Amino acid sequence: MATALFLIVVFGILAGLWADGARARELATRLAQALCSKRGLQFLDGTVVLRRMGLRWTRQGLRFRRMFSFDYSREGSGRHTAWLLLLGTEIEQVVVDEPEEPRPATPTPPRADGKVVPFRRPGKGP
């Protein structure tokens, strides 16, 4: 009898943890979609991935701390990763690696004779 009661309690705890994790993942997905639409980014794959999970003491008690990652694209070119850190159901931190805009190449003026283009190292002036 005690064994059956113990198994029911353990199963109930596991089901509660699973349901809490599913709610956190749905919340993270909605937050990632909102973040991408606000910044004009394309939310790729339509999902988030749980990368880390742990426990943390707060004023409200013991809460789960989850780190989710998701992929996005700027104007359909490239694939970049962003991170959401949730403490329970609150956003603790958002990290979006904004890619640097490519700099246009400045053409090197030809030499006076027009046959040889001088070699110039990147980042150095003429």
C-alpha atoms as a PDB file:
ATOM      1  CA  MET A   1       0.000   0.000   0.000  1.00  0.00           C
ATOM      2  CA  ALA A   2       2.773   2.439   0.925  1.00  0.00           C
ATOM      3  CA  THR A   3       4.677   1.550  -2.250  1.00  0.00           C
ATOM      4  CA  ALA A   4       1.661   2.307  -4.435  1.00  0.00           C
ATOM      5  CA  LEU A   5       1.088   5.634  -2.673  1.00  0.00           C
ATOM      6  CA  PHE A   6       4.780   6.514  -3.087  1.00  0.00           C
ATOM      7  CA  LEU A   7       4.629   5.732  -6.825  1.00  0.00           C
ATOM      8  CA  ILE A   8       1.505   7.867  -7.247  1.00  0.00           C
ATOM      9  CA  VAL A   9       3.203  10.808  -5.509  1.00  0.00           C
ATOM     10  CA  VAL A  10       6.373  10.436  -7.606  1.00  0.00           C
ATOM     11  CA  PHE A  11       4.289  10.197 -10.792  1.00  0.00           C
ATOM     12  CA  GLY A  12       2.334  13.304  -9.776  1.00  0.00           C
ATOM     13  CA  ILE A  13       5.538  15.274  -9.143  1.00  0.00           C
ATOM     14  CA  LEU A  14       7.010  14.215 -12.502  1.00  0.00           C
ATOM     15  CA  ALA A  15       3.775  15.121 -14.325  1.00  0.00           C
ATOM     16  CA  GLY A  16       3.798  18.545 -12.644  1.00  0.00           C
ATOM     17  CA  LEU A  17       7.419  19.156 -13.631  1.00  0.00           C
ATOM     18  CA  TRP A  18       6.674  18.117 -17.209  1.00  0.00           C
ATOM     19  CA  ALA A  19       3.648  20.452 -17.394  1.00  0.00           C
ATOM     20  CA  ASP A  20       5.669  23.341 -15.940  1.00  0.00           C
ATOM     21  CA  GLY A  21       8.416  22.752 -18.499  1.00  0.00           C
ATOM     22  CA  ALA A  22       5.880  22.698 -21.347  1.00  0.00           C
ATOM     23  CA  ARG A  23       4.382  26.013 -20.152  1.00  0.00           C
ATOM     24  CA  ALA A  24       7.860  27.566 -19.924  1.00  0.00           C
ATOM     25  CA  ARG A  25       8.706  26.417 -23.453  1.00  0.00           C
ATOM     26  CA  GLU A  26       5.457  27.842 -24.858  1.00  0.00           C
ATOM     27  CA  LEU A  27       6.139  31.134 -23.073  1.00  0.00           C
ATOM     28  CA  ALA A  28       9.706  31.244 -24.423  1.00  0.00           C
ATOM     29  CA  THR A  29       8.431  30.576 -27.958  1.00  0.00           C
ATOM     30  CA  ARG A  30       5.904  33.430 -27.732  1.00  0.00           C
ATOM     31  CA  LEU A  31       8.558  35.753 -26.303  1.00  0.00           C
ATOM     32  CA  ALA A  32      11.011  34.855 -29.087  1.00  0.00           C
ATOM     33  CA  GLN A  33       8.340  35.488 -31.743  1.00  0.00           C
ATOM     34  CA  ALA A  34       7.468  38.850 -30.194  1.00  0.00           C
ATOM     35  CA  LEU A  35      11.131  39.831 -29.906  1.00  0.00           C
ATOM     36  CA  CYS A  36      11.797  38.969 -33.553  1.00  0.00           C
ATOM     37  CA  SER A  37       8.743  40.818 -34.841  1.00  0.00           C
ATOM     38  CA  LYS A  38       9.601  43.880 -32.723  1.00  0.00           C
ATOM     39  CA  ARG A  39      13.160  44.023 -34.096  1.00  0.00           C
ATOM     40  CA  GLY A  40      12.201  43.150 -37.675  1.00  0.00           C
ATOM     41  CA  LEU A  41      13.920  39.754 -37.609  1.00  0.00           C
ATOM     42  CA  GLN A  42      12.763  36.444 -39.058  1.00  0.00           C
ATOM     43  CA  PHE A  43      12.104  33.792 -36.370  1.00  0.00           C
ATOM     44  CA  LEU A  44      13.524  30.571 -37.834  1.00  0.00           C
ATOM     45  CA  ASP A  45      12.162  27.057 -37.191  1.00  0.00           C
ATOM     46  CA  GLY A  46       9.307  28.457 -35.067  1.00  0.00           C
ATOM     47  CA  THR A  47      10.660  26.909 -31.889  1.00  0.00           C
ATOM     48  CA  VAL A  48      13.059  27.350 -28.996  1.00  0.00           C
ATOM     49  CA  VAL A  49      15.532  24.862 -27.529  1.00  0.00           C
ATOM     50  CA  LEU A  50      16.099  24.311 -23.814  1.00  0.00           C
ATOM     51  CA  ARG A  51      19.858  24.597 -23.272  1.00  0.00           C
ATOM     52  CA  ARG A  52      20.184  24.721 -19.472  1.00  0.00           C
ATOM     53  CA  MET A  53      17.960  24.328 -16.461  1.00  0.00           C
ATOM     54  CA  GLY A  54      18.624  24.835 -12.784  1.00  0.00           C
ATOM     55  CA  LEU A  55      17.142  25.983  -9.497  1.00  0.00           C
ATOM     56  CA  ARG A  56      17.494  29.387  -7.882  1.00  0.00           C
ATOM     57  CA  TRP A  57      16.325  30.854  -4.588  1.00  0.00           C
ATOM     58  CA  THR A  58      14.322  34.078  -4.899  1.00  0.00           C
ATOM     59  CA  ARG A  59      12.083  36.084  -2.584  1.00  0.00           C
ATOM     60  CA  GLN A  60       9.151  34.013  -3.865  1.00  0.00           C
ATOM     61  CA  GLY A  61      10.953  30.771  -2.984  1.00  0.00           C
ATOM     62  CA  LEU A  62      12.667  28.135  -5.068  1.00  0.00           C
ATOM     63  CA  ARG A  63      12.177  28.706  -8.818  1.00  0.00           C
ATOM     64  CA  PHE A  64      13.379  27.114 -12.025  1.00  0.00           C
ATOM     65  CA  ARG A  65      15.867  29.028 -14.125  1.00  0.00           C
ATOM     66  CA  ARG A  66      15.834  27.999 -17.787  1.00  0.00           C
ATOM     67  CA  MET A  67      17.986  29.091 -20.707  1.00  0.00           C
ATOM     68  CA  PHE A  68      16.433  28.782 -24.153  1.00  0.00           C
ATOM     69  CA  SER A  69      18.055  29.460 -27.503  1.00  0.00           C
ATOM     70  CA  PHE A  70      16.443  30.225 -30.839  1.00  0.00           C
ATOM     71  CA  ASP A  71      17.630  31.044 -34.337  1.00  0.00           C
ATOM     72  CA  TYR A  72      16.772  34.135 -36.327  1.00  0.00           C
ATOM     73  CA  SER A  73      17.697  35.707 -39.628  1.00  0.00           C
ATOM     74  CA  ARG A  74      18.068  39.276 -40.722  1.00  0.00           C
ATOM     75  CA  GLU A  75      16.396  39.836 -44.101  1.00  0.00           C
ATOM     76  CA  GLY A  76      16.632  36.128 -44.936  1.00  0.00           C
ATOM     77  CA  SER A  77      20.432  36.036 -45.006  1.00  0.00           C
ATOM     78  CA  GLY A  78      22.447  34.082 -42.487  1.00  0.00           C
ATOM     79  CA  ARG A  79      21.460  32.241 -39.344  1.00  0.00           C
ATOM     80  CA  HIS A  80      22.123  33.736 -35.926  1.00  0.00           C
ATOM     81  CA  THR A  81      21.407  32.514 -32.393  1.00  0.00           C
ATOM     82  CA  ALA A  82      19.749  34.427 -29.570  1.00  0.00           C
ATOM     83  CA  TRP A  83      19.218  33.440 -25.926  1.00  0.00           C
ATOM     84  CA  LEU A  84      16.345  33.849 -23.462  1.00  0.00           C
ATOM     85  CA  LEU A  85      16.937  33.375 -19.751  1.00  0.00           C
ATOM     86  CA  LEU A  86      13.724  32.810 -17.779  1.00  0.00           C
ATOM     87  CA  LEU A  87      13.402  32.742 -14.007  1.00  0.00           C
ATOM     88  CA  GLY A  88      10.083  31.020 -13.474  1.00  0.00           C
ATOM     89  CA  THR A  89       7.830  32.930 -15.862  1.00  0.00           C
ATOM     90  CA  GLU A  90       9.795  36.181 -15.789  1.00  0.00           C
ATOM     91  CA  ILE A  91      12.407  37.273 -18.316  1.00  0.00           C
ATOM     92  CA  GLU A  92      15.765  37.615 -16.616  1.00  0.00           C
ATOM     93  CA  GLN A  93      17.903  38.327 -19.663  1.00  0.00           C
ATOM     94  CA  VAL A  94      17.724  38.411 -23.467  1.00  0.00           C
ATOM     95  CA  VAL A  95      20.887  38.189 -25.578  1.00  0.00           C
ATOM     96  CA  VAL A  96      20.612  38.882 -29.310  1.00  0.00           C
ATOM     97  CA  ASP A  97      23.877  38.852 -31.212  1.00  0.00           C
ATOM     98  CA  GLU A  98      23.329  41.596 -33.751  1.00  0.00           C
ATOM     99  CA  PRO A  99      25.545  40.871 -36.751  1.00  0.00           C
ATOM    100  CA  GLU A 100      27.725  43.715 -37.910  1.00  0.00           C
ATOM    101  CA  GLU A 101      26.735  45.357 -41.139  1.00  0.00           C
ATOM    102  CA  PRO A 102      29.251  44.580 -43.884  1.00  0.00           C
ATOM    103  CA  ARG A 103      31.322  47.568 -44.859  1.00  0.00           C
ATOM    104  CA  PRO A 104      31.425  48.413 -48.541  1.00  0.00           C
ATOM    105  CA  ALA A 105      34.833  47.889 -50.087  1.00  0.00           C
ATOM    106  CA  THR A 106      36.600  51.067 -51.124  1.00  0.00           C
ATOM    107  CA  PRO A 107      38.243  50.692 -54.510  1.00  0.00           C
ATOM    108  CA  THR A 108      41.961  51.268 -54.691  1.00  0.00           C
ATOM    109  CA  PRO A 109      42.865  53.916 -57.241  1.00  0.00           C
ATOM    110  CA  PRO A 110      45.132  52.589 -60.018  1.00  0.00           C
ATOM    111  CA  ARG A 111      48.671  53.836 -60.438  1.00  0.00           C
ATOM    112  CA  ALA A 112      49.511  56.489 -62.947  1.00  0.00           C
ATOM    113  CA  ASP A 113      50.670  53.984 -65.580  1.00  0.00           C
ATOM    114  CA  GLY A 114      47.349  52.067 -65.253  1.00  0.00           C
ATOM    115  CA  LYS A 115      49.021  48.625 -65.443  1.00  0.00           C
ATOM    116  CA  VAL A 116      49.784  47.855 -61.787  1.00  0.00           C
ATOM    117  CA  VAL A 117      47.393  48.044 -58.848  1.00  0.00           C
ATOM    118  CA  PRO A 118      49.318  48.528 -55.597  1.00  0.00           C
ATOM    119  CA  PHE A 119      48.886  45.986 -52.800  1.00  0.00           C
ATOM    120  CA  ARG A 120      47.274  47.465 -49.693  1.00  0.00           C
ATOM    121  CA  ARG A 121      46.750  45.624 -46.429  1.00  0.00           C
ATOM    122  CA  PRO A 122      43.220  45.655 -45.016  1.00  0.00           C
ATOM    123  CA  GLY A 123      42.647  48.361 -42.389  1.00  0.00           C
ATOM    124  CA  LYS A 124      45.656  50.455 -43.434  1.00  0.00           C
ATOM    125  CA  GLY A 125      45.487  53.679 -45.378  1.00  0.00           C
ATOM    126  CA  PRO A 126      47.136  54.261 -48.798  1.00  0.00           C
END
